[in-house]
Structure formats: structure tokens, C-alpha cells
C-alpha atoms as a PDB file:
ATOM      1  CA  MET A   1       0.000   0.000   0.000  1.00  0.00           C
ATOM      2  CA  ILE A   2       1.301   3.440  -0.970  1.00  0.00           C
ATOM      3  CA  THR A   3       0.899   6.118   1.697  1.00  0.00           C
ATOM      4  CA  GLU A   4       1.941   9.764   1.626  1.00  0.00           C
ATOM      5  CA  GLU A   5       4.758   8.853   4.015  1.00  0.00           C
ATOM      6  CA  LYS A   6       5.946   6.087   1.667  1.00  0.00           C
ATOM      7  CA  LEU A   7       5.704   8.532  -1.225  1.00  0.00           C
ATOM      8  CA  LYS A   8       8.049  10.977   0.517  1.00  0.00           C
ATOM      9  CA  ILE A   9      10.595   8.182   0.953  1.00  0.00           C
ATOM     10  CA  LEU A  10      10.363   7.291  -2.743  1.00  0.00           C
ATOM     11  CA  GLU A  11      10.694  10.957  -3.747  1.00  0.00           C
ATOM     12  CA  LYS A  12      13.822  11.218  -1.605  1.00  0.00           C
ATOM     13  CA  GLU A  13      15.282   8.061  -3.189  1.00  0.00           C
ATOM     14  CA  ALA A  14      14.574   9.384  -6.685  1.00  0.00           C
ATOM     15  CA  ILE A  15      16.346  12.674  -5.895  1.00  0.00           C
ATOM     16  CA  GLU A  16      19.321  10.868  -4.374  1.00  0.00           C
ATOM     17  CA  HIS A  17      19.578   8.446  -7.326  1.00  0.00           C
ATOM     18  CA  PRO A  18      18.592  10.484 -10.410  1.00  0.00           C
ATOM     19  CA  GLN A  19      20.103   7.942 -12.826  1.00  0.00           C
ATOM     20  CA  SER A  20      18.389   4.935 -11.265  1.00  0.00           C
ATOM     21  CA  VAL A  21      15.647   3.575 -13.506  1.00  0.00           C
ATOM     22  CA  ILE A  22      14.332   1.497 -10.612  1.00  0.00           C
ATOM     23  CA  ALA A  23      14.049   4.467  -8.247  1.00  0.00           C
ATOM     24  CA  GLN A  24      12.367   6.665 -10.870  1.00  0.00           C
ATOM     25  CA  HIS A  25       9.954   3.904 -11.877  1.00  0.00           C
ATOM     26  CA  LYS A  26       8.958   3.147  -8.279  1.00  0.00           C
ATOM     27  CA  LEU A  27       8.166   6.821  -7.823  1.00  0.00           C
ATOM     28  CA  ALA A  28       6.159   6.960 -11.059  1.00  0.00           C
ATOM     29  CA  ILE A  29       4.079   3.939 -10.014  1.00  0.00           C
ATOM     30  CA  ALA A  30       3.458   5.473  -6.584  1.00  0.00           C
ATOM     31  CA  TYR A  31       2.184   8.686  -8.174  1.00  0.00           C
ATOM     32  CA  LEU A  32      -0.067   6.639 -10.460  1.00  0.00           C
ATOM     33  CA  VAL A  33      -1.512   4.560  -7.610  1.00  0.00           C
ATOM     34  CA  LEU A  34      -2.263   7.728  -5.643  1.00  0.00           C
ATOM     35  CA  GLY A  35      -3.981   9.340  -8.623  1.00  0.00           C
ATOM     36  CA  LYS A  36      -1.333  12.044  -9.024  1.00  0.00           C
ATOM     37  CA  PHE A  37      -1.437  11.799 -12.799  1.00  0.00           C
ATOM     38  CA  GLN A  38       0.552  14.905 -13.718  1.00  0.00           C
ATOM     39  CA  GLU A  39       3.384  13.877 -11.403  1.00  0.00           C
ATOM     40  CA  ALA A  40       3.176  10.313 -12.724  1.00  0.00           C
ATOM     41  CA  LYS A  41       3.403  11.526 -16.316  1.00  0.00           C
ATOM     42  CA  ILE A  42       6.555  13.518 -15.563  1.00  0.00           C
ATOM     43  CA  ALA A  43       8.055  10.605 -13.639  1.00  0.00           C
ATOM     44  CA  PHE A  44       7.365   8.063 -16.404  1.00  0.00           C
ATOM     45  CA  LYS A  45       8.947  10.430 -18.919  1.00  0.00           C
ATOM     46  CA  LYS A  46      12.004  10.554 -16.653  1.00  0.00           C
ATOM     47  CA  VAL A  47      12.136   6.748 -16.682  1.00  0.00           C
ATOM     48  CA  LEU A  48      11.987   6.776 -20.481  1.00  0.00           C
ATOM     49  CA  GLN A  49      14.784   9.330 -20.683  1.00  0.00           C
ATOM     50  CA  LEU A  50      16.934   6.816 -18.830  1.00  0.00           C
ATOM     51  CA  ASP A  51      15.559   3.730 -20.601  1.00  0.00           C
ATOM     52  CA  PRO A  52      13.597   4.520 -23.810  1.00  0.00           C
ATOM     53  CA  TYR A  53      12.471   0.882 -24.112  1.00  0.00           C
ATOM     54  CA  HIS A  54      11.041   0.482 -20.599  1.00  0.00           C
ATOM     55  CA  PHE A  55       7.829  -1.426 -21.332  1.00  0.00           C
ATOM     56  CA  GLU A  56       5.807  -0.606 -18.211  1.00  0.00           C
ATOM     57  CA  ALA A  57       6.707   3.079 -18.432  1.00  0.00           C
ATOM     58  CA  LEU A  58       5.628   3.222 -22.087  1.00  0.00           C
ATOM     59  CA  ILE A  59       2.297   1.537 -21.357  1.00  0.00           C
ATOM     60  CA  ASN A  60       1.507   3.581 -18.267  1.00  0.00           C
ATOM     61  CA  LEU A  61       2.506   6.815 -19.952  1.00  0.00           C
ATOM     62  CA  GLY A  62       0.226   5.938 -22.861  1.00  0.00           C
ATOM     63  CA  ILE A  63      -2.670   5.279 -20.480  1.00  0.00           C
ATOM     64  CA  ILE A  64      -2.164   8.618 -18.734  1.00  0.00           C
ATOM     65  CA  LEU A  65      -1.895  10.502 -22.029  1.00  0.00           C
ATOM     66  CA  ALA A  66      -5.097   8.857 -23.268  1.00  0.00           C
ATOM     67  CA  ARG A  67      -6.840   9.738 -20.020  1.00  0.00           C
ATOM     68  CA  GLU A  68      -5.881  13.379 -20.535  1.00  0.00           C
ATOM     69  CA  GLY A  69      -7.108  13.386 -24.117  1.00  0.00           C
ATOM     70  CA  GLU A  70      -3.628  13.478 -25.682  1.00  0.00           C
ATOM     71  CA  LEU A  71      -4.615  10.727 -28.099  1.00  0.00           C
ATOM     72  CA  GLU A  72      -1.923  11.182 -30.736  1.00  0.00           C
ATOM     73  CA  GLU A  73       0.803  11.175 -28.079  1.00  0.00           C
ATOM     74  CA  ALA A  74      -0.738   8.107 -26.461  1.00  0.00           C
ATOM     75  CA  LYS A  75      -0.812   6.417 -29.864  1.00  0.00           C
ATOM     76  CA  LYS A  76       2.892   7.130 -30.290  1.00  0.00           C
ATOM     77  CA  ALA A  77       3.659   5.573 -26.898  1.00  0.00           C
ATOM     78  CA  PHE A  78       1.740   2.363 -27.600  1.00  0.00           C
ATOM     79  CA  SER A  79       3.027   2.115 -31.181  1.00  0.00           C
ATOM     80  CA  PHE A  80       6.609   2.547 -29.994  1.00  0.00           C
ATOM     81  CA  ALA A  81       6.100  -0.130 -27.340  1.00  0.00           C
ATOM     82  CA  LEU A  82       4.791  -2.551 -29.963  1.00  0.00           C
ATOM     83  CA  ARG A  83       7.866  -2.064 -32.145  1.00  0.00           C
ATOM     84  CA  PHE A  84       9.899  -3.752 -29.421  1.00  0.00           C
ATOM     85  CA  TYR A  85       7.205  -5.807 -27.653  1.00  0.00           C
ATOM     86  CA  PRO A  86       4.976  -7.000 -30.527  1.00  0.00           C
ATOM     87  CA  ASN A  87       3.433  -9.752 -28.407  1.00  0.00           C
ATOM     88  CA  SER A  88       1.981  -7.410 -25.799  1.00  0.00           C
ATOM     89  CA  PHE A  89      -1.767  -7.971 -25.842  1.00  0.00           C
ATOM     90  CA  GLU A  90      -2.184  -5.041 -23.413  1.00  0.00           C
ATOM     91  CA  ALA A  91      -0.449  -2.681 -25.829  1.00  0.00           C
ATOM     92  CA  TRP A  92      -2.524  -3.880 -28.789  1.00  0.00           C
ATOM     93  CA  ASN A  93      -5.739  -3.492 -26.797  1.00  0.00           C
ATOM     94  CA  ASN A  94      -4.792  -0.001 -25.617  1.00  0.00           C
ATOM     95  CA  LEU A  95      -3.789   1.028 -29.121  1.00  0.00           C
ATOM     96  CA  GLY A  96      -7.184  -0.232 -30.289  1.00  0.00           C
ATOM     97  CA  LEU A  97      -8.897   2.016 -27.750  1.00  0.00           C
ATOM     98  CA  ILE A  98      -6.947   5.007 -29.043  1.00  0.00           C
ATOM     99  CA  GLU A  99      -7.734   4.209 -32.676  1.00  0.00           C
ATOM    100  CA  TYR A 100     -11.413   3.865 -31.734  1.00  0.00           C
ATOM    101  CA  GLN A 101     -11.430   7.258 -30.048  1.00  0.00           C
ATOM    102  CA  LEU A 102      -9.741   8.732 -33.125  1.00  0.00           C
ATOM    103  CA  GLY A 103     -12.541   7.292 -35.268  1.00  0.00           C
ATOM    104  CA  ASN A 104     -10.371   4.686 -36.986  1.00  0.00           C
ATOM    105  CA  LEU A 105     -12.730   1.728 -36.646  1.00  0.00           C
ATOM    106  CA  GLU A 106     -10.970  -0.622 -39.055  1.00  0.00           C
ATOM    107  CA  GLU A 107      -7.611  -0.035 -37.397  1.00  0.00           C
ATOM    108  CA  ALA A 108      -9.144  -0.436 -33.937  1.00  0.00           C
ATOM    109  CA  GLU A 109     -10.686  -3.750 -34.978  1.00  0.00           C
ATOM    110  CA  ARG A 110      -7.309  -4.918 -36.289  1.00  0.00           C
ATOM    111  CA  CYS A 111      -5.664  -4.050 -32.968  1.00  0.00           C
ATOM    112  CA  TYR A 112      -8.259  -5.954 -30.936  1.00  0.00           C
ATOM    113  CA  GLN A 113      -7.884  -8.952 -33.239  1.00  0.00           C
ATOM    114  CA  LYS A 114      -4.108  -8.830 -32.729  1.00  0.00           C
ATOM    115  CA  ALA A 115      -4.588  -8.735 -28.947  1.00  0.00           C
ATOM    116  CA  LEU A 116      -6.854 -11.791 -29.143  1.00  0.00           C
ATOM    117  CA  GLU A 117      -4.446 -13.692 -31.377  1.00  0.00           C
ATOM    118  CA  ILE A 118      -1.893 -13.317 -28.596  1.00  0.00           C
ATOM    119  CA  LYS A 119      -4.261 -13.902 -25.665  1.00  0.00           C
ATOM    120  CA  GLU A 120      -7.602 -15.426 -26.572  1.00  0.00           C
ATOM    121  CA  ASP A 121      -8.859 -15.417 -22.974  1.00  0.00           C
ATOM    122  CA  PHE A 122      -8.756 -11.606 -22.731  1.00  0.00           C
ATOM    123  CA  PRO A 123     -12.332 -10.426 -22.055  1.00  0.00           C
ATOM    124  CA  SER A 124     -11.633  -6.702 -22.442  1.00  0.00           C
ATOM    125  CA  ALA A 125     -10.503  -7.175 -26.034  1.00  0.00           C
ATOM    126  CA  TRP A 126     -13.605  -9.258 -26.850  1.00  0.00           C
ATOM    127  CA  ILE A 127     -15.820  -6.526 -25.371  1.00  0.00           C
ATOM    128  CA  ASN A 128     -13.960  -3.788 -27.228  1.00  0.00           C
ATOM    129  CA  LEU A 129     -14.230  -5.777 -30.448  1.00  0.00           C
ATOM    130  CA  SER A 130     -17.982  -6.101 -29.914  1.00  0.00           C
ATOM    131  CA  THR A 131     -18.287  -2.317 -29.705  1.00  0.00           C
ATOM    132  CA  ILE A 132     -16.672  -1.999 -33.129  1.00  0.00           C
ATOM    133  CA  LEU A 133     -18.907  -4.718 -34.588  1.00  0.00           C
ATOM    134  CA  ILE A 134     -22.017  -3.008 -33.222  1.00  0.00           C
ATOM    135  CA  GLU A 135     -20.974   0.322 -34.718  1.00  0.00           C
ATOM    136  CA  LYS A 136     -20.396  -1.404 -38.060  1.00  0.00           C
ATOM    137  CA  GLY A 137     -23.839  -3.028 -37.891  1.00  0.00           C
ATOM    138  CA  ASN A 138     -22.505  -6.580 -37.498  1.00  0.00           C
ATOM    139  CA  PHE A 139     -24.912  -7.364 -34.661  1.00  0.00           C
ATOM    140  CA  ALA A 140     -25.021 -11.168 -34.931  1.00  0.00           C
ATOM    141  CA  GLU A 141     -21.228 -11.325 -34.933  1.00  0.00           C
ATOM    142  CA  ALA A 142     -21.165  -8.989 -31.924  1.00  0.00           C
ATOM    143  CA  VAL A 143     -23.431 -11.399 -30.015  1.00  0.00           C
ATOM    144  CA  GLU A 144     -21.055 -14.298 -30.699  1.00  0.00           C
ATOM    145  CA  VAL A 145     -18.066 -12.250 -29.586  1.00  0.00           C
ATOM    146  CA  LEU A 146     -19.853 -11.163 -26.398  1.00  0.00           C
ATOM    147  CA  LYS A 147     -20.778 -14.747 -25.572  1.00  0.00           C
ATOM    148  CA  LYS A 148     -17.062 -15.560 -25.631  1.00  0.00           C
ATOM    149  CA  ALA A 149     -16.415 -12.660 -23.265  1.00  0.00           C
ATOM    150  CA  GLN A 150     -19.236 -13.874 -21.028  1.00  0.00           C
ATOM    151  CA  THR A 151     -17.639 -17.294 -20.570  1.00  0.00           C
ATOM    152  CA  LEU A 152     -14.433 -15.550 -19.434  1.00  0.00           C
ATOM    153  CA  ALA A 153     -15.911 -12.823 -17.225  1.00  0.00           C
ATOM    154  CA  PRO A 154     -19.596 -13.479 -16.470  1.00  0.00           C
ATOM    155  CA  ASN A 155     -19.904 -10.541 -14.055  1.00  0.00           C
ATOM    156  CA  LEU A 156     -18.741  -7.726 -16.332  1.00  0.00           C
ATOM    157  CA  SER A 157     -21.702  -5.398 -16.787  1.00  0.00           C
ATOM    158  CA  THR A 158     -20.518  -4.020 -20.138  1.00  0.00           C
ATOM    159  CA  ILE A 159     -21.011  -7.451 -21.713  1.00  0.00           C
ATOM    160  CA  TYR A 160     -24.723  -7.407 -20.924  1.00  0.00           C
ATOM    161  CA  ASN A 161     -25.216  -3.806 -22.000  1.00  0.00           C
ATOM    162  CA  ASN A 162     -23.581  -4.555 -25.347  1.00  0.00           C
ATOM    163  CA  LEU A 163     -25.617  -7.743 -25.703  1.00  0.00           C
ATOM    164  CA  ALA A 164     -28.766  -5.718 -25.076  1.00  0.00           C
ATOM    165  CA  VAL A 165     -27.786  -3.282 -27.840  1.00  0.00           C
ATOM    166  CA  ALA A 166     -26.919  -6.045 -30.303  1.00  0.00           C
ATOM    167  CA  TYR A 167     -30.115  -8.001 -29.615  1.00  0.00           C
ATOM    168  CA  TYR A 168     -32.225  -4.848 -29.880  1.00  0.00           C
ATOM    169  CA  TYR A 169     -30.924  -4.114 -33.368  1.00  0.00           C
ATOM    170  CA  LEU A 170     -31.411  -7.754 -34.313  1.00  0.00           C
ATOM    171  CA  GLY A 171     -35.096  -7.244 -33.439  1.00  0.00           C
ATOM    172  CA  ASN A 172     -35.002  -9.490 -30.365  1.00  0.00           C
ATOM    173  CA  LYS A 173     -36.422  -7.176 -27.698  1.00  0.00           C
ATOM    174  CA  GLU A 174     -36.955  -9.999 -25.198  1.00  0.00           C
ATOM    175  CA  GLU A 175     -33.226 -10.834 -25.101  1.00  0.00           C
ATOM    176  CA  ALA A 176     -32.420  -7.124 -25.142  1.00  0.00           C
ATOM    177  CA  ARG A 177     -34.536  -6.592 -22.015  1.00  0.00           C
ATOM    178  CA  LEU A 178     -33.098  -9.611 -20.208  1.00  0.00           C
ATOM    179  CA  ASN A 179     -29.536  -8.474 -20.819  1.00  0.00           C
ATOM    180  CA  LEU A 180     -30.300  -4.854 -19.974  1.00  0.00           C
ATOM    181  CA  GLU A 181     -31.699  -5.989 -16.611  1.00  0.00           C
ATOM    182  CA  LYS A 182     -28.502  -7.978 -15.966  1.00  0.00           C
ATOM    183  CA  ALA A 183     -26.410  -4.926 -16.852  1.00  0.00           C
ATOM    184  CA  LYS A 184     -28.417  -2.778 -14.417  1.00  0.00           C
ATOM    185  CA  LYS A 185     -28.067  -5.343 -11.627  1.00  0.00           C
ATOM    186  CA  LEU A 186     -24.302  -5.212 -12.162  1.00  0.00           C
ATOM    187  CA  GLN A 187     -24.407  -1.395 -11.819  1.00  0.00           C
ATOM    188  CA  TYR A 188     -23.882  -0.515 -15.478  1.00  0.00           C
ATOM    189  CA  PRO A 189     -24.898   3.135 -16.146  1.00  0.00           C
ATOM    190  CA  VAL A 190     -27.536   2.278 -18.734  1.00  0.00           C
ATOM    191  CA  ASN A 191     -28.424   4.957 -21.282  1.00  0.00           C
ATOM    192  CA  PRO A 192     -31.986   6.043 -20.345  1.00  0.00           C
ATOM    193  CA  GLU A 193     -32.891   6.760 -23.972  1.00  0.00           C
ATOM    194  CA  PHE A 194     -31.833   3.269 -24.998  1.00  0.00           C
ATOM    195  CA  GLU A 195     -33.706   1.757 -22.041  1.00  0.00           C
ATOM    196  CA  LYS A 196     -36.837   3.596 -23.170  1.00  0.00           C
ATOM    197  CA  LEU A 197     -36.494   2.114 -26.661  1.00  0.00           C
ATOM    198  CA  VAL A 198     -36.047  -1.400 -25.304  1.00  0.00           C
ATOM    199  CA  TYR A 199     -39.164  -1.171 -23.151  1.00  0.00           C
ATOM    200  CA  GLU A 200     -41.437   0.356 -25.774  1.00  0.00           C
ATOM    201  CA  ASP A 201     -44.593  -1.711 -26.249  1.00  0.00           C
ATOM    202  CA  PHE A 202     -43.614  -3.884 -23.253  1.00  0.00           C
END
């Protein structure tokens, strides 16, 4: 557990050992855990100045940049990581998220497929892939993909929300309602406009 007291110790170690990748990375992780994202971003950049190929620093920096809306910079971080760690399913999945936010659906789908080629039992990538399929109108395929995710992580609310959407557009309102209820029970923030559509004529 990272406390403010522990953080001060790590900050002191990082100052005393400015060329230590380990010391700088420990500090960066501590900032991240405590939600100090600006400090974490600076610290991860320091790690990468010392070791440009540090995988965890590249991934975490990309996540922070994406969180702050710096999508092109985040894309560069994940793309650079994949040049040297091409079998990182996390990096492929994160790059897919960035491409999706940039509106590059085909490229996002390719990234999720790459992630799943490396790690088939990765529910997040199946869910993310289903989002792309739904946007492209491939609703039956999205259902099949979500069923795979469901076998891996049966308590993830997003699975049931996406199933509800896919079934609705397939014209199966009964399954849409059942899955929407499951999503709500698992605390998914259901879109009220979509919920209204699902329950029309019920």
C-alpha cells in the first residue's frame, strides 16, 4: 500500500539516485496509484529518458496521455512499445482504444484482433471488439463475440449492456430486455434513452 509517508521516501530516493531507472519507476508507479497523474506523467517520462524501451513506463505513460485526451501522443507511446514488444496484448488493446477514439474503426478492430491472437482469454478485447462490430452493424457477430467474453468474465456489466444493444438491433427485444436488466443489476450506467427504446410496447 502506498501512503503519503511512503511517497516521501520514494521521492527522496529518486532525488538521491537520479540515474536509477528502478528508483524513478517506483516513484512513477506510486504517483499513479495515488492518482497524481501529472506527477506520474513527468516521472514516467524521466524513466523513459533513462531507458527509452522500458515497457511498463511506455504503457503507463500511454494510459495517462489517453486519459488526458492526448490521443496522438498516447498512440505514439503504444506504437513505440509494440515495435519492441509485438506480443503485448495489453499494448494492442490499448492502441485499439486510441484508434477507436480517433474514429479509426478498421484499425481499432485490427488491434483488438491482434490482442486476441496473442491472448484469446482476454475479455476486455472481446468486449472492445464487440463495440466496433455493433458500430459497423454486425450485430449477430457482436453477439457471438460477447458470448465468448461472457464465458471468461460473467460478471462484467458491459457485456450485458452490449448484448442488449446487439439483440435490440437484431429485433429481439426480449433478449435485449433480459440483458439490460442484468447490466443494471451489475451497476452498469444504462443509457436512459436506450432503455426507453427497449421497453417500448412492453
